[in-house]
Amino acid sequence: MSKYQVYYCSHCEVKFAVDQDFDDHAVIDCPLCHDDQYLTDAGEAVDVE
């Protein structure tokens, strides 16, 4: 089972997930607008196989 941190960008209204094992969540930017100014933490998600 993989765990992810979910982020939401209020600028372009996209939700995306990053593996919680990723070392530095502080460097994460929105994949569409390439900015972190509008990101909010949207919680956790799990991938069940």
PDB file of N, CA and C in Angstrom:
ATOM      1  N   MET A   1       0.848  -1.170   0.000  1.00  0.00           N
ATOM      2  CA  MET A   1       0.000   0.000   0.000  1.00  0.00           C
ATOM      3  C   MET A   1       0.898   1.239   0.000  1.00  0.00           C
ATOM      4  N   SER A   2       0.659   2.131  -0.930  1.00  0.00           N
ATOM      5  CA  SER A   2       1.414   3.371  -1.027  1.00  0.00           C
ATOM      6  C   SER A   2       0.605   4.513  -0.426  1.00  0.00           C
ATOM      7  N   LYS A   3       1.312   5.442   0.222  1.00  0.00           N
ATOM      8  CA  LYS A   3       0.658   6.609   0.806  1.00  0.00           C
ATOM      9  C   LYS A   3       1.118   7.854   0.061  1.00  0.00           C
ATOM     10  N   TYR A   4       0.172   8.770  -0.143  1.00  0.00           N
ATOM     11  CA  TYR A   4       0.446   9.993  -0.891  1.00  0.00           C
ATOM     12  C   TYR A   4      -0.052  11.205  -0.119  1.00  0.00           C
ATOM     13  N   GLN A   5       0.621  12.316  -0.333  1.00  0.00           N
ATOM     14  CA  GLN A   5       0.151  13.600   0.163  1.00  0.00           C
ATOM     15  C   GLN A   5      -0.522  14.301  -1.002  1.00  0.00           C
ATOM     16  N   VAL A   6      -1.736  14.763  -0.816  1.00  0.00           N
ATOM     17  CA  VAL A   6      -2.499  15.398  -1.882  1.00  0.00           C
ATOM     18  C   VAL A   6      -2.417  16.921  -1.721  1.00  0.00           C
ATOM     19  N   TYR A   7      -2.188  17.597  -2.827  1.00  0.00           N
ATOM     20  CA  TYR A   7      -2.120  19.052  -2.842  1.00  0.00           C
ATOM     21  C   TYR A   7      -3.162  19.596  -3.811  1.00  0.00           C
ATOM     22  N   TYR A   8      -3.622  20.816  -3.531  1.00  0.00           N
ATOM     23  CA  TYR A   8      -4.587  21.495  -4.381  1.00  0.00           C
ATOM     24  C   TYR A   8      -4.042  22.875  -4.722  1.00  0.00           C
ATOM     25  N   CYS A   9      -4.078  23.222  -6.009  1.00  0.00           N
ATOM     26  CA  CYS A   9      -3.660  24.548  -6.461  1.00  0.00           C
ATOM     27  C   CYS A   9      -4.918  25.359  -6.754  1.00  0.00           C
ATOM     28  N   SER A  10      -5.131  26.414  -5.981  1.00  0.00           N
ATOM     29  CA  SER A  10      -6.328  27.238  -6.159  1.00  0.00           C
ATOM     30  C   SER A  10      -6.227  28.151  -7.379  1.00  0.00           C
ATOM     31  N   HIS A  11      -5.036  28.310  -7.925  1.00  0.00           N
ATOM     32  CA  HIS A  11      -4.863  29.152  -9.109  1.00  0.00           C
ATOM     33  C   HIS A  11      -5.385  28.451 -10.366  1.00  0.00           C
ATOM     34  N   CYS A  12      -4.982  27.215 -10.588  1.00  0.00           N
ATOM     35  CA  CYS A  12      -5.412  26.492 -11.797  1.00  0.00           C
ATOM     36  C   CYS A  12      -6.378  25.350 -11.470  1.00  0.00           C
ATOM     37  N   GLU A  13      -6.746  25.209 -10.190  1.00  0.00           N
ATOM     38  CA  GLU A  13      -7.744  24.252  -9.721  1.00  0.00           C
ATOM     39  C   GLU A  13      -7.407  22.794 -10.041  1.00  0.00           C
ATOM     40  N   VAL A  14      -6.160  22.434  -9.831  1.00  0.00           N
ATOM     41  CA  VAL A  14      -5.738  21.056 -10.052  1.00  0.00           C
ATOM     42  C   VAL A  14      -5.391  20.417  -8.705  1.00  0.00           C
ATOM     43  N   LYS A  15      -5.749  19.142  -8.581  1.00  0.00           N
ATOM     44  CA  LYS A  15      -5.334  18.329  -7.435  1.00  0.00           C
ATOM     45  C   LYS A  15      -4.299  17.337  -7.928  1.00  0.00           C
ATOM     46  N   PHE A  16      -3.254  17.140  -7.134  1.00  0.00           N
ATOM     47  CA  PHE A  16      -2.244  16.150  -7.500  1.00  0.00           C
ATOM     48  C   PHE A  16      -1.664  15.547  -6.231  1.00  0.00           C
ATOM     49  N   ALA A  17      -1.100  14.370  -6.374  1.00  0.00           N
ATOM     50  CA  ALA A  17      -0.568  13.645  -5.229  1.00  0.00           C
ATOM     51  C   ALA A  17       0.924  13.408  -5.399  1.00  0.00           C
ATOM     52  N   VAL A  18       1.614  13.424  -4.263  1.00  0.00           N
ATOM     53  CA  VAL A  18       3.051  13.179  -4.219  1.00  0.00           C
ATOM     54  C   VAL A  18       3.284  12.072  -3.203  1.00  0.00           C
ATOM     55  N   ASP A  19       4.107  11.114  -3.578  1.00  0.00           N
ATOM     56  CA  ASP A  19       4.429  10.007  -2.681  1.00  0.00           C
ATOM     57  C   ASP A  19       4.973  10.561  -1.365  1.00  0.00           C
ATOM     58  N   GLN A  20       4.484  10.057  -0.236  1.00  0.00           N
ATOM     59  CA  GLN A  20       4.942  10.542   1.060  1.00  0.00           C
ATOM     60  C   GLN A  20       6.400  10.203   1.320  1.00  0.00           C
ATOM     61  N   ASP A  21       6.955   9.257   0.585  1.00  0.00           N
ATOM     62  CA  ASP A  21       8.369   8.918   0.740  1.00  0.00           C
ATOM     63  C   ASP A  21       9.281   9.932   0.051  1.00  0.00           C
ATOM     64  N   PHE A  22       8.711  10.850  -0.726  1.00  0.00           N
ATOM     65  CA  PHE A  22       9.505  11.896  -1.369  1.00  0.00           C
ATOM     66  C   PHE A  22      10.210  12.699  -0.284  1.00  0.00           C
ATOM     67  N   ASP A  23      11.496  12.951  -0.480  1.00  0.00           N
ATOM     68  CA  ASP A  23      12.321  13.536   0.580  1.00  0.00           C
ATOM     69  C   ASP A  23      11.944  14.953   0.992  1.00  0.00           C
ATOM     70  N   ASP A  24      11.669  15.851   0.042  1.00  0.00           N
ATOM     71  CA  ASP A  24      11.525  17.260   0.380  1.00  0.00           C
ATOM     72  C   ASP A  24      10.244  17.852  -0.202  1.00  0.00           C
ATOM     73  N   HIS A  25       9.160  17.754   0.545  1.00  0.00           N
ATOM     74  CA  HIS A  25       7.881  18.281   0.078  1.00  0.00           C
ATOM     75  C   HIS A  25       7.887  19.807  -0.004  1.00  0.00           C
ATOM     76  N   ALA A  26       8.888  20.449   0.582  1.00  0.00           N
ATOM     77  CA  ALA A  26       8.978  21.916   0.543  1.00  0.00           C
ATOM     78  C   ALA A  26       9.310  22.440  -0.852  1.00  0.00           C
ATOM     79  N   VAL A  27       9.805  21.594  -1.737  1.00  0.00           N
ATOM     80  CA  VAL A  27      10.192  22.052  -3.082  1.00  0.00           C
ATOM     81  C   VAL A  27       9.119  21.742  -4.126  1.00  0.00           C
ATOM     82  N   ILE A  28       7.956  21.299  -3.694  1.00  0.00           N
ATOM     83  CA  ILE A  28       6.909  20.898  -4.629  1.00  0.00           C
ATOM     84  C   ILE A  28       6.197  22.128  -5.198  1.00  0.00           C
ATOM     85  N   ASP A  29       6.058  22.142  -6.507  1.00  0.00           N
ATOM     86  CA  ASP A  29       5.307  23.172  -7.218  1.00  0.00           C
ATOM     87  C   ASP A  29       4.137  22.526  -7.937  1.00  0.00           C
ATOM     88  N   CYS A  30       3.169  23.323  -8.308  1.00  0.00           N
ATOM     89  CA  CYS A  30       2.051  22.849  -9.107  1.00  0.00           C
ATOM     90  C   CYS A  30       2.576  22.389 -10.469  1.00  0.00           C
ATOM     91  N   PRO A  31       2.153  21.231 -10.938  1.00  0.00           N
ATOM     92  CA  PRO A  31       2.654  20.736 -12.231  1.00  0.00           C
ATOM     93  C   PRO A  31       2.133  21.528 -13.432  1.00  0.00           C
ATOM     94  N   LEU A  32       1.093  22.337 -13.249  1.00  0.00           N
ATOM     95  CA  LEU A  32       0.558  23.122 -14.367  1.00  0.00           C
ATOM     96  C   LEU A  32       1.084  24.554 -14.384  1.00  0.00           C
ATOM     97  N   CYS A  33       1.005  25.252 -13.258  1.00  0.00           N
ATOM     98  CA  CYS A  33       1.439  26.657 -13.262  1.00  0.00           C
ATOM     99  C   CYS A  33       2.860  26.832 -12.733  1.00  0.00           C
ATOM    100  N   HIS A  34       3.486  25.756 -12.270  1.00  0.00           N
ATOM    101  CA  HIS A  34       4.888  25.758 -11.825  1.00  0.00           C
ATOM    102  C   HIS A  34       5.153  26.780 -10.728  1.00  0.00           C
ATOM    103  N   ASP A  35       4.252  26.860  -9.779  1.00  0.00           N
ATOM    104  CA  ASP A  35       4.370  27.793  -8.666  1.00  0.00           C
ATOM    105  C   ASP A  35       3.844  27.106  -7.417  1.00  0.00           C
ATOM    106  N   ASP A  36       4.333  27.504  -6.257  1.00  0.00           N
ATOM    107  CA  ASP A  36       3.818  26.925  -5.015  1.00  0.00           C
ATOM    108  C   ASP A  36       3.001  27.930  -4.209  1.00  0.00           C
ATOM    109  N   GLN A  37       2.821  29.112  -4.732  1.00  0.00           N
ATOM    110  CA  GLN A  37       2.131  30.184  -4.022  1.00  0.00           C
ATOM    111  C   GLN A  37       0.684  29.835  -3.685  1.00  0.00           C
ATOM    112  N   TYR A  38       0.018  29.092  -4.537  1.00  0.00           N
ATOM    113  CA  TYR A  38      -1.407  28.805  -4.369  1.00  0.00           C
ATOM    114  C   TYR A  38      -1.687  27.390  -3.864  1.00  0.00           C
ATOM    115  N   LEU A  39      -0.652  26.654  -3.465  1.00  0.00           N
ATOM    116  CA  LEU A  39      -0.836  25.274  -3.019  1.00  0.00           C
ATOM    117  C   LEU A  39      -1.365  25.202  -1.606  1.00  0.00           C
ATOM    118  N   THR A  40      -2.286  24.291  -1.401  1.00  0.00           N
ATOM    119  CA  THR A  40      -2.756  23.959  -0.058  1.00  0.00           C
ATOM    120  C   THR A  40      -2.710  22.452   0.114  1.00  0.00           C
ATOM    121  N   ASP A  41      -2.519  22.032   1.316  1.00  0.00           N
ATOM    122  CA  ASP A  41      -2.495  20.612   1.654  1.00  0.00           C
ATOM    123  C   ASP A  41      -3.934  20.112   1.643  1.00  0.00           C
ATOM    124  N   ALA A  42      -4.215  19.111   0.819  1.00  0.00           N
ATOM    125  CA  ALA A  42      -5.576  18.579   0.702  1.00  0.00           C
ATOM    126  C   ALA A  42      -5.718  17.228   1.397  1.00  0.00           C
ATOM    127  N   GLY A  43      -4.740  16.840   2.182  1.00  0.00           N
ATOM    128  CA  GLY A  43      -4.859  15.604   2.950  1.00  0.00           C
ATOM    129  C   GLY A  43      -4.030  14.463   2.406  1.00  0.00           C
ATOM    130  N   GLU A  44      -4.380  13.271   2.827  1.00  0.00           N
ATOM    131  CA  GLU A  44      -3.645  12.066   2.450  1.00  0.00           C
ATOM    132  C   GLU A  44      -4.513  11.154   1.607  1.00  0.00           C
ATOM    133  N   ALA A  45      -3.837  10.323   0.839  1.00  0.00           N
ATOM    134  CA  ALA A  45      -4.522   9.308   0.029  1.00  0.00           C
ATOM    135  C   ALA A  45      -3.690   8.041   0.066  1.00  0.00           C
ATOM    136  N   VAL A  46      -4.345   6.903  -0.134  1.00  0.00           N
ATOM    137  CA  VAL A  46      -3.648   5.632  -0.191  1.00  0.00           C
ATOM    138  C   VAL A  46      -4.030   4.917  -1.473  1.00  0.00           C
ATOM    139  N   ASP A  47      -3.086   4.185  -1.995  1.00  0.00           N
ATOM    140  CA  ASP A  47      -3.300   3.377  -3.187  1.00  0.00           C
ATOM    141  C   ASP A  47      -3.351   1.925  -2.719  1.00  0.00           C
ATOM    142  N   VAL A  48      -4.497   1.311  -2.799  1.00  0.00           N
ATOM    143  CA  VAL A  48      -4.642  -0.090  -2.396  1.00  0.00           C
ATOM    144  C   VAL A  48      -4.607  -0.970  -3.636  1.00  0.00           C
ATOM    145  N   GLU A  49      -3.783  -1.954  -3.553  1.00  0.00           N
ATOM    146  CA  GLU A  49      -3.612  -2.837  -4.706  1.00  0.00           C
ATOM    147  C   GLU A  49      -4.365  -4.119  -4.545  1.00  0.00           C
TER     148      GLU A  49
END
